[in-house]
Amino acid sequence: MDDGASQINEGTSAVDSGWDELTAGATELDDGASQINEGTSAVDSGWDELTAGATELNDGAFQINDGTSAVDSGWGELTDGATGCRYCNRG
């Protein structure tokens, strides 16, 4: 988000996205992956997964947006060895 705070999407879908700031030390989404939102809004979110101990985004883009819009976001994880994706939402 554009306020510089670490954010997660606590909602159950893009329609009910429930953006909230992480509390101090909180690093996980429901799937257990440490993630931050590098985008500027819920529509331009650009999820990436952090490597262990990382303090900046891992540009390997382990997370992609399988959907076509914020309404149909379908976040999924790239399989090991994947080097790119057609629908990466890079923020």
PDB file of N, CA and C in Angstrom:
ATOM      1  N   MET A   1       0.838  -1.192   0.000  1.00  0.00           N
ATOM      2  CA  MET A   1       0.000   0.000   0.000  1.00  0.00           C
ATOM      3  C   MET A   1       0.880   1.251   0.000  1.00  0.00           C
ATOM      4  N   ASP A   2       0.303   2.353  -0.307  1.00  0.00           N
ATOM      5  CA  ASP A   2       1.130   3.530  -0.482  1.00  0.00           C
ATOM      6  C   ASP A   2       1.483   4.234   0.818  1.00  0.00           C
ATOM      7  N   ASP A   3       0.992   3.735   1.962  1.00  0.00           N
ATOM      8  CA  ASP A   3       1.359   4.368   3.232  1.00  0.00           C
ATOM      9  C   ASP A   3       2.646   3.796   3.808  1.00  0.00           C
ATOM     10  N   GLY A   4       3.248   2.846   3.119  1.00  0.00           N
ATOM     11  CA  GLY A   4       4.521   2.292   3.538  1.00  0.00           C
ATOM     12  C   GLY A   4       4.415   1.216   4.602  1.00  0.00           C
ATOM     13  N   ALA A   5       3.221   0.942   5.083  1.00  0.00           N
ATOM     14  CA  ALA A   5       3.054  -0.073   6.118  1.00  0.00           C
ATOM     15  C   ALA A   5       3.002  -1.460   5.502  1.00  0.00           C
ATOM     16  N   SER A   6       3.517  -2.444   6.212  1.00  0.00           N
ATOM     17  CA  SER A   6       3.367  -3.820   5.774  1.00  0.00           C
ATOM     18  C   SER A   6       1.894  -4.181   5.847  1.00  0.00           C
ATOM     19  N   GLN A   7       1.411  -4.839   4.820  1.00  0.00           N
ATOM     20  CA  GLN A   7      -0.013  -5.125   4.735  1.00  0.00           C
ATOM     21  C   GLN A   7      -0.235  -6.594   4.424  1.00  0.00           C
ATOM     22  N   ILE A   8      -1.347  -7.120   4.887  1.00  0.00           N
ATOM     23  CA  ILE A   8      -1.795  -8.430   4.440  1.00  0.00           C
ATOM     24  C   ILE A   8      -3.263  -8.344   4.077  1.00  0.00           C
ATOM     25  N   ASN A   9      -3.714  -9.303   3.296  1.00  0.00           N
ATOM     26  CA  ASN A   9      -5.115  -9.390   2.947  1.00  0.00           C
ATOM     27  C   ASN A   9      -5.728 -10.466   3.829  1.00  0.00           C
ATOM     28  N   GLU A  10      -6.502 -10.061   4.822  1.00  0.00           N
ATOM     29  CA  GLU A  10      -7.084 -11.016   5.755  1.00  0.00           C
ATOM     30  C   GLU A  10      -8.418 -11.556   5.283  1.00  0.00           C
ATOM     31  N   GLY A  11      -8.914 -11.078   4.162  1.00  0.00           N
ATOM     32  CA  GLY A  11     -10.224 -11.480   3.694  1.00  0.00           C
ATOM     33  C   GLY A  11     -10.220 -12.854   3.058  1.00  0.00           C
ATOM     34  N   THR A  12     -11.393 -13.267   2.603  1.00  0.00           N
ATOM     35  CA  THR A  12     -11.552 -14.584   2.019  1.00  0.00           C
ATOM     36  C   THR A  12     -11.650 -14.523   0.508  1.00  0.00           C
ATOM     37  N   SER A  13     -11.727 -13.354  -0.041  1.00  0.00           N
ATOM     38  CA  SER A  13     -11.762 -13.175  -1.483  1.00  0.00           C
ATOM     39  C   SER A  13     -11.376 -11.745  -1.801  1.00  0.00           C
ATOM     40  N   ALA A  14     -11.158 -11.475  -3.090  1.00  0.00           N
ATOM     41  CA  ALA A  14     -10.819 -10.111  -3.462  1.00  0.00           C
ATOM     42  C   ALA A  14     -11.990  -9.169  -3.237  1.00  0.00           C
ATOM     43  N   VAL A  15     -13.209  -9.725  -3.281  1.00  0.00           N
ATOM     44  CA  VAL A  15     -14.383  -8.893  -3.037  1.00  0.00           C
ATOM     45  C   VAL A  15     -14.455  -8.502  -1.568  1.00  0.00           C
ATOM     46  N   ASP A  16     -13.958  -9.393  -0.694  1.00  0.00           N
ATOM     47  CA  ASP A  16     -13.946  -9.154   0.747  1.00  0.00           C
ATOM     48  C   ASP A  16     -12.497  -9.189   1.203  1.00  0.00           C
ATOM     49  N   SER A  17     -11.725  -8.195   0.786  1.00  0.00           N
ATOM     50  CA  SER A  17     -10.281  -8.317   0.904  1.00  0.00           C
ATOM     51  C   SER A  17      -9.742  -7.967   2.277  1.00  0.00           C
ATOM     52  N   GLY A  18     -10.407  -7.082   3.013  1.00  0.00           N
ATOM     53  CA  GLY A  18     -10.046  -6.810   4.392  1.00  0.00           C
ATOM     54  C   GLY A  18      -8.609  -6.423   4.618  1.00  0.00           C
ATOM     55  N   TRP A  19      -8.095  -5.444   3.883  1.00  0.00           N
ATOM     56  CA  TRP A  19      -6.713  -5.022   4.075  1.00  0.00           C
ATOM     57  C   TRP A  19      -6.484  -4.524   5.491  1.00  0.00           C
ATOM     58  N   ASP A  20      -5.445  -5.037   6.115  1.00  0.00           N
ATOM     59  CA  ASP A  20      -5.061  -4.602   7.448  1.00  0.00           C
ATOM     60  C   ASP A  20      -3.548  -4.501   7.524  1.00  0.00           C
ATOM     61  N   GLU A  21      -3.078  -3.608   8.372  1.00  0.00           N
ATOM     62  CA  GLU A  21      -1.643  -3.536   8.605  1.00  0.00           C
ATOM     63  C   GLU A  21      -1.208  -4.699   9.489  1.00  0.00           C
ATOM     64  N   LEU A  22       0.005  -5.172   9.242  1.00  0.00           N
ATOM     65  CA  LEU A  22       0.574  -6.186  10.111  1.00  0.00           C
ATOM     66  C   LEU A  22       0.935  -5.564  11.449  1.00  0.00           C
ATOM     67  N   THR A  23       0.685  -6.293  12.526  1.00  0.00           N
ATOM     68  CA  THR A  23       1.183  -5.834  13.815  1.00  0.00           C
ATOM     69  C   THR A  23       2.672  -6.138  13.893  1.00  0.00           C
ATOM     70  N   ALA A  24       3.354  -5.543  14.826  1.00  0.00           N
ATOM     71  CA  ALA A  24       4.799  -5.719  14.932  1.00  0.00           C
ATOM     72  C   ALA A  24       5.143  -7.197  15.017  1.00  0.00           C
ATOM     73  N   GLY A  25       6.019  -7.649  14.147  1.00  0.00           N
ATOM     74  CA  GLY A  25       6.463  -9.034  14.161  1.00  0.00           C
ATOM     75  C   GLY A  25       5.577  -9.987  13.385  1.00  0.00           C
ATOM     76  N   ALA A  26       4.380  -9.570  13.005  1.00  0.00           N
ATOM     77  CA  ALA A  26       3.515 -10.468  12.250  1.00  0.00           C
ATOM     78  C   ALA A  26       4.007 -10.558  10.816  1.00  0.00           C
ATOM     79  N   THR A  27       4.130 -11.770  10.306  1.00  0.00           N
ATOM     80  CA  THR A  27       4.691 -11.931   8.969  1.00  0.00           C
ATOM     81  C   THR A  27       3.917 -12.898   8.099  1.00  0.00           C
ATOM     82  N   GLU A  28       2.867 -13.505   8.591  1.00  0.00           N
ATOM     83  CA  GLU A  28       2.277 -14.604   7.849  1.00  0.00           C
ATOM     84  C   GLU A  28       0.854 -14.336   7.383  1.00  0.00           C
ATOM     85  N   LEU A  29       0.551 -14.866   6.198  1.00  0.00           N
ATOM     86  CA  LEU A  29      -0.815 -14.985   5.730  1.00  0.00           C
ATOM     87  C   LEU A  29      -1.358 -16.318   6.220  1.00  0.00           C
ATOM     88  N   ASP A  30      -2.614 -16.602   5.907  1.00  0.00           N
ATOM     89  CA  ASP A  30      -3.223 -17.843   6.360  1.00  0.00           C
ATOM     90  C   ASP A  30      -2.499 -19.087   5.856  1.00  0.00           C
ATOM     91  N   ASP A  31      -1.838 -19.002   4.699  1.00  0.00           N
ATOM     92  CA  ASP A  31      -1.139 -20.175   4.178  1.00  0.00           C
ATOM     93  C   ASP A  31       0.248 -20.342   4.780  1.00  0.00           C
ATOM     94  N   GLY A  32       0.620 -19.471   5.714  1.00  0.00           N
ATOM     95  CA  GLY A  32       1.890 -19.609   6.399  1.00  0.00           C
ATOM     96  C   GLY A  32       3.056 -18.948   5.692  1.00  0.00           C
ATOM     97  N   ALA A  33       2.845 -18.430   4.489  1.00  0.00           N
ATOM     98  CA  ALA A  33       3.939 -17.798   3.758  1.00  0.00           C
ATOM     99  C   ALA A  33       4.123 -16.364   4.219  1.00  0.00           C
ATOM    100  N   SER A  34       5.357 -15.987   4.447  1.00  0.00           N
ATOM    101  CA  SER A  34       5.654 -14.598   4.798  1.00  0.00           C
ATOM    102  C   SER A  34       5.518 -13.755   3.546  1.00  0.00           C
ATOM    103  N   GLN A  35       4.628 -12.784   3.590  1.00  0.00           N
ATOM    104  CA  GLN A  35       4.342 -12.030   2.388  1.00  0.00           C
ATOM    105  C   GLN A  35       4.129 -10.573   2.702  1.00  0.00           C
ATOM    106  N   ILE A  36       4.405  -9.733   1.714  1.00  0.00           N
ATOM    107  CA  ILE A  36       4.020  -8.345   1.804  1.00  0.00           C
ATOM    108  C   ILE A  36       3.423  -7.916   0.476  1.00  0.00           C
ATOM    109  N   ASN A  37       2.741  -6.804   0.504  1.00  0.00           N
ATOM    110  CA  ASN A  37       2.102  -6.274  -0.685  1.00  0.00           C
ATOM    111  C   ASN A  37       2.929  -5.101  -1.184  1.00  0.00           C
ATOM    112  N   GLU A  38       3.550  -5.262  -2.357  1.00  0.00           N
ATOM    113  CA  GLU A  38       4.399  -4.199  -2.874  1.00  0.00           C
ATOM    114  C   GLU A  38       3.626  -3.184  -3.700  1.00  0.00           C
ATOM    115  N   GLY A  39       2.337  -3.409  -3.888  1.00  0.00           N
ATOM    116  CA  GLY A  39       1.542  -2.537  -4.735  1.00  0.00           C
ATOM    117  C   GLY A  39       1.088  -1.280  -4.022  1.00  0.00           C
ATOM    118  N   THR A  40       0.234  -0.550  -4.689  1.00  0.00           N
ATOM    119  CA  THR A  40      -0.212   0.731  -4.173  1.00  0.00           C
ATOM    120  C   THR A  40      -1.673   0.725  -3.779  1.00  0.00           C
ATOM    121  N   SER A  41      -2.376  -0.347  -4.057  1.00  0.00           N
ATOM    122  CA  SER A  41      -3.784  -0.449  -3.691  1.00  0.00           C
ATOM    123  C   SER A  41      -4.208  -1.902  -3.772  1.00  0.00           C
ATOM    124  N   ALA A  42      -5.414  -2.191  -3.314  1.00  0.00           N
ATOM    125  CA  ALA A  42      -5.921  -3.556  -3.381  1.00  0.00           C
ATOM    126  C   ALA A  42      -6.068  -4.011  -4.829  1.00  0.00           C
ATOM    127  N   VAL A  43      -6.274  -3.073  -5.728  1.00  0.00           N
ATOM    128  CA  VAL A  43      -6.421  -3.417  -7.134  1.00  0.00           C
ATOM    129  C   VAL A  43      -5.059  -3.664  -7.780  1.00  0.00           C
ATOM    130  N   ASP A  44      -4.016  -3.054  -7.233  1.00  0.00           N
ATOM    131  CA  ASP A  44      -2.664  -3.124  -7.783  1.00  0.00           C
ATOM    132  C   ASP A  44      -1.754  -3.690  -6.709  1.00  0.00           C
ATOM    133  N   SER A  45      -1.911  -4.999  -6.442  1.00  0.00           N
ATOM    134  CA  SER A  45      -1.367  -5.506  -5.194  1.00  0.00           C
ATOM    135  C   SER A  45       0.004  -6.153  -5.300  1.00  0.00           C
ATOM    136  N   GLY A  46       0.286  -6.907  -6.348  1.00  0.00           N
ATOM    137  CA  GLY A  46       1.634  -7.417  -6.574  1.00  0.00           C
ATOM    138  C   GLY A  46       2.238  -8.231  -5.446  1.00  0.00           C
ATOM    139  N   TRP A  47       1.566  -9.298  -5.025  1.00  0.00           N
ATOM    140  CA  TRP A  47       2.100 -10.137  -3.953  1.00  0.00           C
ATOM    141  C   TRP A  47       3.407 -10.796  -4.340  1.00  0.00           C
ATOM    142  N   ASP A  48       4.371 -10.781  -3.444  1.00  0.00           N
ATOM    143  CA  ASP A  48       5.593 -11.571  -3.565  1.00  0.00           C
ATOM    144  C   ASP A  48       5.851 -12.228  -2.213  1.00  0.00           C
ATOM    145  N   GLU A  49       6.530 -13.359  -2.250  1.00  0.00           N
ATOM    146  CA  GLU A  49       6.839 -14.062  -1.011  1.00  0.00           C
ATOM    147  C   GLU A  49       8.245 -13.704  -0.550  1.00  0.00           C
ATOM    148  N   LEU A  50       8.396 -13.522   0.751  1.00  0.00           N
ATOM    149  CA  LEU A  50       9.708 -13.212   1.312  1.00  0.00           C
ATOM    150  C   LEU A  50      10.479 -14.492   1.592  1.00  0.00           C
ATOM    151  N   THR A  51      11.777 -14.487   1.323  1.00  0.00           N
ATOM    152  CA  THR A  51      12.604 -15.608   1.729  1.00  0.00           C
ATOM    153  C   THR A  51      12.875 -15.509   3.227  1.00  0.00           C
ATOM    154  N   ALA A  52      13.294 -16.595   3.825  1.00  0.00           N
ATOM    155  CA  ALA A  52      13.527 -16.613   5.263  1.00  0.00           C
ATOM    156  C   ALA A  52      14.523 -15.537   5.654  1.00  0.00           C
ATOM    157  N   GLY A  53      14.142 -14.707   6.593  1.00  0.00           N
ATOM    158  CA  GLY A  53      15.029 -13.676   7.087  1.00  0.00           C
ATOM    159  C   GLY A  53      15.163 -12.459   6.183  1.00  0.00           C
ATOM    160  N   ALA A  54      14.466 -12.456   5.068  1.00  0.00           N
ATOM    161  CA  ALA A  54      14.592 -11.345   4.126  1.00  0.00           C
ATOM    162  C   ALA A  54      13.948 -10.090   4.689  1.00  0.00           C
ATOM    163  N   THR A  55      14.501  -8.961   4.343  1.00  0.00           N
ATOM    164  CA  THR A  55      13.918  -7.692   4.748  1.00  0.00           C
ATOM    165  C   THR A  55      13.354  -6.927   3.559  1.00  0.00           C
ATOM    166  N   GLU A  56      13.587  -7.437   2.366  1.00  0.00           N
ATOM    167  CA  GLU A  56      13.014  -6.857   1.167  1.00  0.00           C
ATOM    168  C   GLU A  56      12.341  -7.957   0.364  1.00  0.00           C
ATOM    169  N   LEU A  57      11.528  -7.536  -0.623  1.00  0.00           N
ATOM    170  CA  LEU A  57      10.842  -8.506  -1.461  1.00  0.00           C
ATOM    171  C   LEU A  57      11.819  -9.383  -2.221  1.00  0.00           C
ATOM    172  N   ASN A  58      11.423 -10.634  -2.399  1.00  0.00           N
ATOM    173  CA  ASN A  58      12.155 -11.538  -3.267  1.00  0.00           C
ATOM    174  C   ASN A  58      11.594 -11.358  -4.676  1.00  0.00           C
ATOM    175  N   ASP A  59      12.384 -10.835  -5.577  1.00  0.00           N
ATOM    176  CA  ASP A  59      11.904 -10.553  -6.917  1.00  0.00           C
ATOM    177  C   ASP A  59      11.673 -11.802  -7.756  1.00  0.00           C
ATOM    178  N   GLY A  60      11.858 -12.984  -7.182  1.00  0.00           N
ATOM    179  CA  GLY A  60      11.524 -14.219  -7.870  1.00  0.00           C
ATOM    180  C   GLY A  60      10.040 -14.400  -8.097  1.00  0.00           C
ATOM    181  N   ALA A  61       9.217 -13.551  -7.489  1.00  0.00           N
ATOM    182  CA  ALA A  61       7.771 -13.584  -7.714  1.00  0.00           C
ATOM    183  C   ALA A  61       7.190 -14.977  -7.513  1.00  0.00           C
ATOM    184  N   PHE A  62       7.334 -15.507  -6.319  1.00  0.00           N
ATOM    185  CA  PHE A  62       6.769 -16.815  -6.037  1.00  0.00           C
ATOM    186  C   PHE A  62       5.248 -16.803  -6.064  1.00  0.00           C
ATOM    187  N   GLN A  63       4.664 -15.643  -5.847  1.00  0.00           N
ATOM    188  CA  GLN A  63       3.214 -15.550  -5.845  1.00  0.00           C
ATOM    189  C   GLN A  63       2.734 -14.838  -7.096  1.00  0.00           C
ATOM    190  N   ILE A  64       1.702 -15.386  -7.718  1.00  0.00           N
ATOM    191  CA  ILE A  64       1.123 -14.743  -8.884  1.00  0.00           C
ATOM    192  C   ILE A  64      -0.367 -14.571  -8.678  1.00  0.00           C
ATOM    193  N   ASN A  65      -0.941 -13.708  -9.473  1.00  0.00           N
ATOM    194  CA  ASN A  65      -2.379 -13.522  -9.481  1.00  0.00           C
ATOM    195  C   ASN A  65      -2.920 -14.301 -10.667  1.00  0.00           C
ATOM    196  N   ASP A  66      -3.591 -15.426 -10.387  1.00  0.00           N
ATOM    197  CA  ASP A  66      -4.106 -16.275 -11.454  1.00  0.00           C
ATOM    198  C   ASP A  66      -5.353 -15.709 -12.108  1.00  0.00           C
ATOM    199  N   GLY A  67      -5.938 -14.701 -11.491  1.00  0.00           N
ATOM    200  CA  GLY A  67      -7.162 -14.128 -12.027  1.00  0.00           C
ATOM    201  C   GLY A  67      -6.895 -13.008 -13.006  1.00  0.00           C
ATOM    202  N   THR A  68      -7.961 -12.332 -13.356  1.00  0.00           N
ATOM    203  CA  THR A  68      -7.847 -11.277 -14.350  1.00  0.00           C
ATOM    204  C   THR A  68      -8.156  -9.906 -13.777  1.00  0.00           C
ATOM    205  N   SER A  69      -8.596  -9.843 -12.548  1.00  0.00           N
ATOM    206  CA  SER A  69      -8.932  -8.562 -11.933  1.00  0.00           C
ATOM    207  C   SER A  69      -8.967  -8.727 -10.430  1.00  0.00           C
ATOM    208  N   ALA A  70      -9.132  -7.628  -9.715  1.00  0.00           N
ATOM    209  CA  ALA A  70      -9.223  -7.692  -8.265  1.00  0.00           C
ATOM    210  C   ALA A  70     -10.462  -8.463  -7.829  1.00  0.00           C
ATOM    211  N   VAL A  71     -11.479  -8.482  -8.680  1.00  0.00           N
ATOM    212  CA  VAL A  71     -12.703  -9.205  -8.343  1.00  0.00           C
ATOM    213  C   VAL A  71     -12.502 -10.705  -8.509  1.00  0.00           C
ATOM    214  N   ASP A  72     -11.600 -11.096  -9.393  1.00  0.00           N
ATOM    215  CA  ASP A  72     -11.324 -12.506  -9.673  1.00  0.00           C
ATOM    216  C   ASP A  72      -9.832 -12.734  -9.530  1.00  0.00           C
ATOM    217  N   SER A  73      -9.337 -12.670  -8.295  1.00  0.00           N
ATOM    218  CA  SER A  73      -7.896 -12.599  -8.123  1.00  0.00           C
ATOM    219  C   SER A  73      -7.211 -13.952  -8.084  1.00  0.00           C
ATOM    220  N   GLY A  74      -7.812 -14.968  -7.483  1.00  0.00           N
ATOM    221  CA  GLY A  74      -7.294 -16.322  -7.513  1.00  0.00           C
ATOM    222  C   GLY A  74      -5.815 -16.450  -7.249  1.00  0.00           C
ATOM    223  N   TRP A  75      -5.328 -15.887  -6.133  1.00  0.00           N
ATOM    224  CA  TRP A  75      -3.901 -15.949  -5.844  1.00  0.00           C
ATOM    225  C   TRP A  75      -3.425 -17.385  -5.779  1.00  0.00           C
ATOM    226  N   GLY A  76      -2.327 -17.686  -6.466  1.00  0.00           N
ATOM    227  CA  GLY A  76      -1.743 -19.012  -6.414  1.00  0.00           C
ATOM    228  C   GLY A  76      -0.238 -18.933  -6.353  1.00  0.00           C
ATOM    229  N   GLU A  77       0.391 -20.037  -5.996  1.00  0.00           N
ATOM    230  CA  GLU A  77       1.842 -20.063  -5.852  1.00  0.00           C
ATOM    231  C   GLU A  77       2.466 -20.748  -7.058  1.00  0.00           C
ATOM    232  N   LEU A  78       3.553 -20.183  -7.549  1.00  0.00           N
ATOM    233  CA  LEU A  78       4.260 -20.791  -8.666  1.00  0.00           C
ATOM    234  C   LEU A  78       4.910 -22.092  -8.227  1.00  0.00           C
ATOM    235  N   THR A  79       4.940 -23.064  -9.123  1.00  0.00           N
ATOM    236  CA  THR A  79       5.625 -24.309  -8.807  1.00  0.00           C
ATOM    237  C   THR A  79       7.131 -24.080  -8.823  1.00  0.00           C
ATOM    238  N   ASP A  80       7.861 -24.956  -8.149  1.00  0.00           N
ATOM    239  CA  ASP A  80       9.317 -24.848  -8.122  1.00  0.00           C
ATOM    240  C   ASP A  80       9.867 -24.852  -9.542  1.00  0.00           C
ATOM    241  N   GLY A  81      10.811 -23.994  -9.797  1.00  0.00           N
ATOM    242  CA  GLY A  81      11.459 -23.960 -11.088  1.00  0.00           C
ATOM    243  C   GLY A  81      10.783 -23.049 -12.099  1.00  0.00           C
ATOM    244  N   ALA A  82       9.588 -22.567 -11.778  1.00  0.00           N
ATOM    245  CA  ALA A  82       8.924 -21.658 -12.707  1.00  0.00           C
ATOM    246  C   ALA A  82       9.713 -20.356 -12.790  1.00  0.00           C
ATOM    247  N   THR A  83       9.851 -19.847 -13.980  1.00  0.00           N
ATOM    248  CA  THR A  83      10.682 -18.657 -14.154  1.00  0.00           C
ATOM    249  C   THR A  83       9.885 -17.431 -14.570  1.00  0.00           C
ATOM    250  N   GLY A  84       8.636 -17.602 -14.860  1.00  0.00           N
ATOM    251  CA  GLY A  84       7.823 -16.458 -15.247  1.00  0.00           C
ATOM    252  C   GLY A  84       6.363 -16.839 -15.260  1.00  0.00           C
ATOM    253  N   CYS A  85       5.513 -15.848 -15.446  1.00  0.00           N
ATOM    254  CA  CYS A  85       4.092 -16.137 -15.516  1.00  0.00           C
ATOM    255  C   CYS A  85       3.402 -15.053 -16.323  1.00  0.00           C
ATOM    256  N   ARG A  86       2.378 -15.448 -17.016  1.00  0.00           N
ATOM    257  CA  ARG A  86       1.672 -14.520 -17.883  1.00  0.00           C
ATOM    258  C   ARG A  86       0.888 -13.489 -17.091  1.00  0.00           C
ATOM    259  N   TYR A  87       0.382 -13.903 -15.944  1.00  0.00           N
ATOM    260  CA  TYR A  87      -0.531 -13.033 -15.212  1.00  0.00           C
ATOM    261  C   TYR A  87       0.061 -12.473 -13.928  1.00  0.00           C
ATOM    262  N   CYS A  88       1.378 -12.402 -13.834  1.00  0.00           N
ATOM    263  CA  CYS A  88       1.972 -11.828 -12.633  1.00  0.00           C
ATOM    264  C   CYS A  88       1.439 -10.422 -12.401  1.00  0.00           C
ATOM    265  N   ASN A  89       0.988 -10.180 -11.179  1.00  0.00           N
ATOM    266  CA  ASN A  89       0.550  -8.836 -10.809  1.00  0.00           C
ATOM    267  C   ASN A  89       1.702  -8.196 -10.066  1.00  0.00           C
ATOM    268  N   ARG A  90       2.451  -7.354 -10.743  1.00  0.00           N
ATOM    269  CA  ARG A  90       3.683  -6.825 -10.168  1.00  0.00           C
ATOM    270  C   ARG A  90       3.508  -5.495  -9.452  1.00  0.00           C
ATOM    271  N   GLY A  91       2.266  -5.028  -9.351  1.00  0.00           N
ATOM    272  CA  GLY A  91       2.033  -3.782  -8.637  1.00  0.00           C
ATOM    273  C   GLY A  91       2.401  -2.570  -9.458  1.00  0.00           C
TER     274      GLY A  91
END
